[in-house]
């Protein structure tokens, strides 16, 4: 995931949110979001990092993971990437395996602990 895109992406996933701060760190990026849900204000700090020893995603897998986090369907991802749906399915399986997740929700949680 590209660092400049991370905070706005998470803010969109959470709904009525705005980015308060973004901080580059040696092992990733941290950002603080603020918003409201059901008339209740909240703030959340997200840290995106790659722990030592973790299997890194290929550039294609990273892009597929980003598109999944945006809520794109497999067909939409295939069209945007110019590949078959079966190729995207294979890449999604690899992303899930490498990041040890079993769903899109878990993927978002994994990318923003």
N, C-alpha and C. Protein backbone atom coordinates (compact mmCIF):
# COMPACT_ATOMS: atom_id res chain seq x y z
N UNK A 1 0.85 -1.18 0.00
CA UNK A 1 0.00 0.00 0.00
C UNK A 1 0.89 1.23 0.00
N UNK A 2 0.58 2.17 -0.86
CA UNK A 2 1.36 3.40 -0.91
C UNK A 2 0.99 4.26 0.29
N UNK A 3 2.02 4.80 0.95
CA UNK A 3 1.82 5.57 2.18
C UNK A 3 0.86 6.74 2.00
N UNK A 4 0.95 7.55 0.94
CA UNK A 4 0.04 8.69 0.83
C UNK A 4 -1.43 8.28 0.70
N UNK A 5 -1.70 7.05 0.23
CA UNK A 5 -3.07 6.60 0.03
C UNK A 5 -3.68 5.94 1.26
N UNK A 6 -2.89 5.58 2.23
CA UNK A 6 -3.37 4.78 3.35
C UNK A 6 -4.42 5.48 4.20
N UNK A 7 -4.14 6.68 4.68
CA UNK A 7 -5.07 7.37 5.57
C UNK A 7 -6.41 7.65 4.90
N UNK A 8 -6.46 8.20 3.68
CA UNK A 8 -7.76 8.42 3.05
C UNK A 8 -8.53 7.13 2.80
N UNK A 9 -7.83 6.03 2.48
CA UNK A 9 -8.48 4.76 2.24
C UNK A 9 -9.17 4.26 3.51
N UNK A 10 -8.45 4.27 4.61
CA UNK A 10 -9.03 3.82 5.88
C UNK A 10 -10.17 4.74 6.29
N UNK A 11 -10.02 6.05 6.10
CA UNK A 11 -11.08 7.00 6.43
C UNK A 11 -12.35 6.68 5.65
N UNK A 12 -12.21 6.35 4.36
CA UNK A 12 -13.37 5.98 3.54
C UNK A 12 -14.00 4.70 4.04
N UNK A 13 -13.19 3.72 4.43
CA UNK A 13 -13.72 2.46 4.92
C UNK A 13 -14.52 2.64 6.21
N UNK A 14 -14.08 3.56 7.04
CA UNK A 14 -14.77 3.80 8.31
C UNK A 14 -15.98 4.71 8.16
N UNK A 15 -16.12 5.39 7.05
CA UNK A 15 -17.29 6.24 6.83
C UNK A 15 -16.99 7.70 7.11
N UNK A 16 -17.76 8.32 7.97
CA UNK A 16 -17.69 9.75 8.25
C UNK A 16 -16.45 10.06 9.09
N UNK A 17 -15.30 10.18 8.41
CA UNK A 17 -14.00 10.32 9.08
C UNK A 17 -13.15 11.36 8.37
N UNK A 18 -12.24 11.97 9.13
CA UNK A 18 -11.24 12.84 8.51
C UNK A 18 -9.87 12.51 9.11
N UNK A 19 -8.84 12.79 8.33
CA UNK A 19 -7.47 12.52 8.76
C UNK A 19 -6.96 13.69 9.58
N UNK A 20 -6.49 13.41 10.80
CA UNK A 20 -5.95 14.47 11.66
C UNK A 20 -4.44 14.62 11.51
N UNK A 21 -3.73 13.51 11.39
CA UNK A 21 -2.27 13.57 11.33
C UNK A 21 -1.73 12.34 10.63
N UNK A 22 -0.61 12.50 9.95
CA UNK A 22 0.10 11.39 9.31
C UNK A 22 1.56 11.52 9.70
N UNK A 23 2.16 10.40 10.11
CA UNK A 23 3.55 10.42 10.57
C UNK A 23 4.31 9.25 9.94
N UNK A 24 5.38 9.56 9.22
CA UNK A 24 6.24 8.51 8.67
C UNK A 24 7.08 7.93 9.80
N UNK A 25 7.17 6.61 9.81
CA UNK A 25 8.01 5.93 10.78
C UNK A 25 8.98 5.02 10.05
N UNK A 26 10.01 4.59 10.74
CA UNK A 26 11.03 3.75 10.11
C UNK A 26 10.44 2.47 9.54
N UNK A 27 9.45 1.89 10.23
CA UNK A 27 8.89 0.62 9.79
C UNK A 27 7.51 0.76 9.15
N UNK A 28 7.10 1.99 8.79
CA UNK A 28 5.80 2.17 8.16
C UNK A 28 5.28 3.57 8.32
N UNK A 29 3.98 3.68 8.53
CA UNK A 29 3.33 4.98 8.67
C UNK A 29 2.25 4.88 9.74
N UNK A 30 2.07 5.97 10.48
CA UNK A 30 1.00 6.05 11.48
C UNK A 30 0.13 7.25 11.13
N UNK A 31 -1.17 7.10 11.34
CA UNK A 31 -2.06 8.23 11.12
C UNK A 31 -3.22 8.18 12.09
N UNK A 32 -3.78 9.35 12.37
CA UNK A 32 -4.89 9.48 13.31
C UNK A 32 -6.11 9.95 12.56
N UNK A 33 -7.23 9.25 12.78
CA UNK A 33 -8.49 9.59 12.14
C UNK A 33 -9.50 9.99 13.21
N UNK A 34 -10.42 10.88 12.84
CA UNK A 34 -11.47 11.31 13.76
C UNK A 34 -12.78 11.30 12.99
N UNK A 35 -13.85 10.89 13.65
CA UNK A 35 -15.14 10.87 12.97
C UNK A 35 -16.28 10.70 13.96
N UNK A 36 -17.46 10.47 13.40
CA UNK A 36 -18.65 10.24 14.20
C UNK A 36 -19.40 9.04 13.66
N UNK A 37 -20.03 8.30 14.55
CA UNK A 37 -20.87 7.17 14.19
C UNK A 37 -22.01 7.12 15.18
N UNK A 38 -23.24 7.14 14.68
CA UNK A 38 -24.42 7.13 15.55
C UNK A 38 -24.35 8.22 16.61
N UNK A 39 -24.00 9.42 16.20
CA UNK A 39 -23.91 10.59 17.08
C UNK A 39 -22.83 10.48 18.15
N UNK A 40 -21.91 9.55 17.99
CA UNK A 40 -20.82 9.38 18.94
C UNK A 40 -19.51 9.71 18.23
N UNK A 41 -18.72 10.60 18.82
CA UNK A 41 -17.42 10.95 18.24
C UNK A 41 -16.39 9.89 18.61
N UNK A 42 -15.47 9.66 17.70
CA UNK A 42 -14.39 8.72 17.98
C UNK A 42 -13.12 9.18 17.29
N UNK A 43 -11.98 8.68 17.77
CA UNK A 43 -10.68 8.90 17.15
C UNK A 43 -9.97 7.56 17.16
N UNK A 44 -9.23 7.31 16.10
CA UNK A 44 -8.52 6.05 15.99
C UNK A 44 -7.13 6.32 15.41
N UNK A 45 -6.14 5.64 15.94
CA UNK A 45 -4.79 5.74 15.41
C UNK A 45 -4.46 4.42 14.73
N UNK A 46 -4.04 4.49 13.48
CA UNK A 46 -3.67 3.30 12.70
C UNK A 46 -2.18 3.33 12.44
N UNK A 47 -1.56 2.17 12.51
CA UNK A 47 -0.15 2.03 12.17
C UNK A 47 -0.05 0.92 11.14
N UNK A 48 0.45 1.28 9.96
CA UNK A 48 0.68 0.30 8.91
C UNK A 48 2.16 -0.05 8.92
N UNK A 49 2.47 -1.31 9.09
CA UNK A 49 3.87 -1.71 9.13
C UNK A 49 4.01 -3.13 8.58
N UNK A 50 5.23 -3.51 8.33
CA UNK A 50 5.56 -4.85 7.87
C UNK A 50 6.49 -5.48 8.90
N UNK A 51 5.95 -6.35 9.75
CA UNK A 51 6.79 -6.96 10.78
C UNK A 51 7.96 -7.74 10.18
N UNK A 52 9.06 -7.78 10.91
CA UNK A 52 10.24 -8.52 10.46
C UNK A 52 9.88 -9.98 10.27
N UNK A 53 10.38 -10.55 9.20
CA UNK A 53 10.14 -11.97 8.95
C UNK A 53 8.86 -12.26 8.20
N UNK A 54 8.00 -11.27 8.02
CA UNK A 54 6.74 -11.51 7.31
C UNK A 54 7.01 -11.66 5.81
N UNK A 55 6.33 -12.60 5.19
CA UNK A 55 6.46 -12.78 3.76
C UNK A 55 5.87 -11.57 3.07
N UNK A 56 6.64 -10.92 2.22
CA UNK A 56 6.17 -9.73 1.54
C UNK A 56 5.32 -10.09 0.34
N UNK A 57 4.34 -9.26 0.06
CA UNK A 57 3.49 -9.43 -1.10
C UNK A 57 4.21 -8.95 -2.35
N UNK A 58 3.93 -9.59 -3.47
CA UNK A 58 4.44 -9.09 -4.74
C UNK A 58 3.72 -7.79 -5.06
N UNK A 59 4.21 -7.05 -6.04
CA UNK A 59 3.54 -5.79 -6.39
C UNK A 59 2.13 -6.05 -6.89
N UNK A 60 1.91 -7.13 -7.63
CA UNK A 60 0.57 -7.47 -8.10
C UNK A 60 -0.34 -7.79 -6.92
N UNK A 61 0.17 -8.56 -5.95
CA UNK A 61 -0.62 -8.90 -4.77
C UNK A 61 -0.92 -7.67 -3.93
N UNK A 62 0.02 -6.75 -3.83
CA UNK A 62 -0.21 -5.50 -3.08
C UNK A 62 -1.35 -4.71 -3.72
N UNK A 63 -1.34 -4.60 -5.05
CA UNK A 63 -2.38 -3.86 -5.75
C UNK A 63 -3.73 -4.54 -5.56
N UNK A 64 -3.78 -5.87 -5.64
CA UNK A 64 -5.03 -6.60 -5.43
C UNK A 64 -5.53 -6.38 -4.01
N UNK A 65 -4.63 -6.41 -3.03
CA UNK A 65 -5.01 -6.17 -1.64
C UNK A 65 -5.60 -4.77 -1.47
N UNK A 66 -4.98 -3.77 -2.10
CA UNK A 66 -5.50 -2.39 -2.03
C UNK A 66 -6.90 -2.31 -2.62
N UNK A 67 -7.10 -2.95 -3.77
CA UNK A 67 -8.40 -2.91 -4.43
C UNK A 67 -9.46 -3.67 -3.62
N UNK A 68 -9.07 -4.76 -2.98
CA UNK A 68 -9.99 -5.47 -2.10
C UNK A 68 -10.41 -4.58 -0.94
N UNK A 69 -9.45 -3.85 -0.37
CA UNK A 69 -9.75 -2.96 0.75
C UNK A 69 -10.66 -1.80 0.33
N UNK A 70 -10.63 -1.45 -0.94
CA UNK A 70 -11.52 -0.41 -1.46
C UNK A 70 -12.93 -0.94 -1.68
N UNK A 71 -13.11 -2.25 -1.53
CA UNK A 71 -14.42 -2.85 -1.70
C UNK A 71 -14.72 -3.29 -3.13
N UNK A 72 -13.71 -3.38 -3.96
CA UNK A 72 -13.91 -3.81 -5.36
C UNK A 72 -14.24 -5.30 -5.43
N UNK A 73 -15.03 -5.68 -6.43
CA UNK A 73 -15.33 -7.09 -6.66
C UNK A 73 -14.17 -7.73 -7.42
N UNK A 74 -14.16 -9.07 -7.45
CA UNK A 74 -13.12 -9.76 -8.19
C UNK A 74 -13.17 -9.41 -9.67
N UNK A 75 -14.38 -9.30 -10.21
CA UNK A 75 -14.54 -8.92 -11.62
C UNK A 75 -14.01 -7.53 -11.91
N UNK A 76 -14.29 -6.58 -11.00
CA UNK A 76 -13.78 -5.22 -11.17
C UNK A 76 -12.26 -5.19 -11.11
N UNK A 77 -11.69 -5.94 -10.17
CA UNK A 77 -10.23 -5.99 -10.04
C UNK A 77 -9.62 -6.58 -11.31
N UNK A 78 -10.21 -7.66 -11.81
CA UNK A 78 -9.70 -8.29 -13.03
C UNK A 78 -9.73 -7.30 -14.19
N UNK A 79 -10.83 -6.57 -14.33
CA UNK A 79 -10.95 -5.60 -15.42
C UNK A 79 -9.90 -4.49 -15.26
N UNK A 80 -9.76 -3.94 -14.05
CA UNK A 80 -8.79 -2.87 -13.81
C UNK A 80 -7.36 -3.33 -14.04
N UNK A 81 -7.06 -4.57 -13.70
CA UNK A 81 -5.70 -5.09 -13.81
C UNK A 81 -5.41 -5.70 -15.18
N UNK A 82 -6.46 -5.91 -15.98
CA UNK A 82 -6.27 -6.49 -17.30
C UNK A 82 -5.90 -7.95 -17.27
N UNK A 83 -6.44 -8.68 -16.28
CA UNK A 83 -6.18 -10.11 -16.15
C UNK A 83 -7.51 -10.84 -16.00
N UNK A 84 -7.47 -12.16 -15.98
CA UNK A 84 -8.70 -12.94 -15.82
C UNK A 84 -9.15 -12.96 -14.36
N UNK A 85 -10.42 -13.26 -14.17
CA UNK A 85 -10.96 -13.38 -12.81
C UNK A 85 -10.25 -14.51 -12.06
N UNK A 86 -9.90 -15.59 -12.78
CA UNK A 86 -9.19 -16.70 -12.13
C UNK A 86 -7.81 -16.27 -11.64
N UNK A 87 -7.14 -15.39 -12.37
CA UNK A 87 -5.85 -14.87 -11.92
C UNK A 87 -6.03 -14.08 -10.63
N UNK A 88 -7.07 -13.24 -10.58
CA UNK A 88 -7.34 -12.45 -9.37
C UNK A 88 -7.67 -13.37 -8.21
N UNK A 89 -8.47 -14.41 -8.45
CA UNK A 89 -8.80 -15.37 -7.38
C UNK A 89 -7.53 -15.99 -6.80
N UNK A 90 -6.61 -16.35 -7.69
CA UNK A 90 -5.34 -16.93 -7.25
C UNK A 90 -4.53 -15.92 -6.43
N UNK A 91 -4.49 -14.68 -6.89
CA UNK A 91 -3.75 -13.65 -6.16
C UNK A 91 -4.39 -13.37 -4.80
N UNK A 92 -5.72 -13.38 -4.74
CA UNK A 92 -6.42 -13.16 -3.46
C UNK A 92 -6.07 -14.30 -2.50
N UNK A 93 -6.07 -15.53 -2.99
CA UNK A 93 -5.68 -16.67 -2.13
C UNK A 93 -4.27 -16.48 -1.58
N UNK A 94 -3.34 -16.02 -2.44
CA UNK A 94 -1.96 -15.80 -2.00
C UNK A 94 -1.88 -14.68 -0.96
N UNK A 95 -2.61 -13.59 -1.19
CA UNK A 95 -2.63 -12.47 -0.23
C UNK A 95 -3.14 -12.96 1.11
N UNK A 96 -4.27 -13.67 1.09
CA UNK A 96 -4.85 -14.18 2.34
C UNK A 96 -3.88 -15.13 3.04
N UNK A 97 -3.23 -16.01 2.26
CA UNK A 97 -2.29 -16.97 2.85
C UNK A 97 -1.09 -16.26 3.46
N UNK A 98 -0.51 -15.33 2.71
CA UNK A 98 0.69 -14.65 3.18
C UNK A 98 0.42 -13.76 4.39
N UNK A 99 -0.77 -13.18 4.45
CA UNK A 99 -1.10 -12.30 5.57
C UNK A 99 -1.87 -13.02 6.66
N UNK A 100 -2.11 -14.33 6.45
CA UNK A 100 -2.79 -15.16 7.44
C UNK A 100 -4.16 -14.61 7.80
N UNK A 101 -4.97 -14.33 6.78
CA UNK A 101 -6.34 -13.86 6.98
C UNK A 101 -7.29 -14.75 6.19
N UNK A 102 -8.58 -14.69 6.54
CA UNK A 102 -9.56 -15.55 5.87
C UNK A 102 -10.71 -14.77 5.24
N UNK A 103 -10.70 -13.44 5.35
CA UNK A 103 -11.79 -12.65 4.79
C UNK A 103 -11.30 -11.24 4.46
N UNK A 104 -12.13 -10.50 3.73
CA UNK A 104 -11.79 -9.11 3.40
C UNK A 104 -11.74 -8.25 4.66
N UNK A 105 -12.66 -8.50 5.58
CA UNK A 105 -12.67 -7.74 6.83
C UNK A 105 -11.37 -7.99 7.59
N UNK A 106 -10.96 -9.25 7.66
CA UNK A 106 -9.71 -9.58 8.34
C UNK A 106 -8.52 -8.95 7.63
N UNK A 107 -8.61 -8.86 6.30
CA UNK A 107 -7.53 -8.22 5.54
C UNK A 107 -7.39 -6.75 5.93
N UNK A 108 -8.51 -6.03 6.00
CA UNK A 108 -8.47 -4.63 6.41
C UNK A 108 -7.94 -4.50 7.82
N UNK A 109 -8.38 -5.36 8.70
CA UNK A 109 -7.87 -5.33 10.09
C UNK A 109 -6.38 -5.62 10.14
N UNK A 110 -5.92 -6.51 9.28
CA UNK A 110 -4.51 -6.89 9.26
C UNK A 110 -3.64 -5.72 8.74
N UNK A 111 -4.17 -5.00 7.74
CA UNK A 111 -3.41 -3.88 7.19
C UNK A 111 -3.47 -2.66 8.09
N UNK A 112 -4.40 -2.62 9.01
CA UNK A 112 -4.53 -1.50 9.95
C UNK A 112 -4.79 -2.06 11.33
N UNK A 113 -3.74 -2.58 12.01
CA UNK A 113 -3.93 -3.22 13.33
C UNK A 113 -4.46 -2.28 14.39
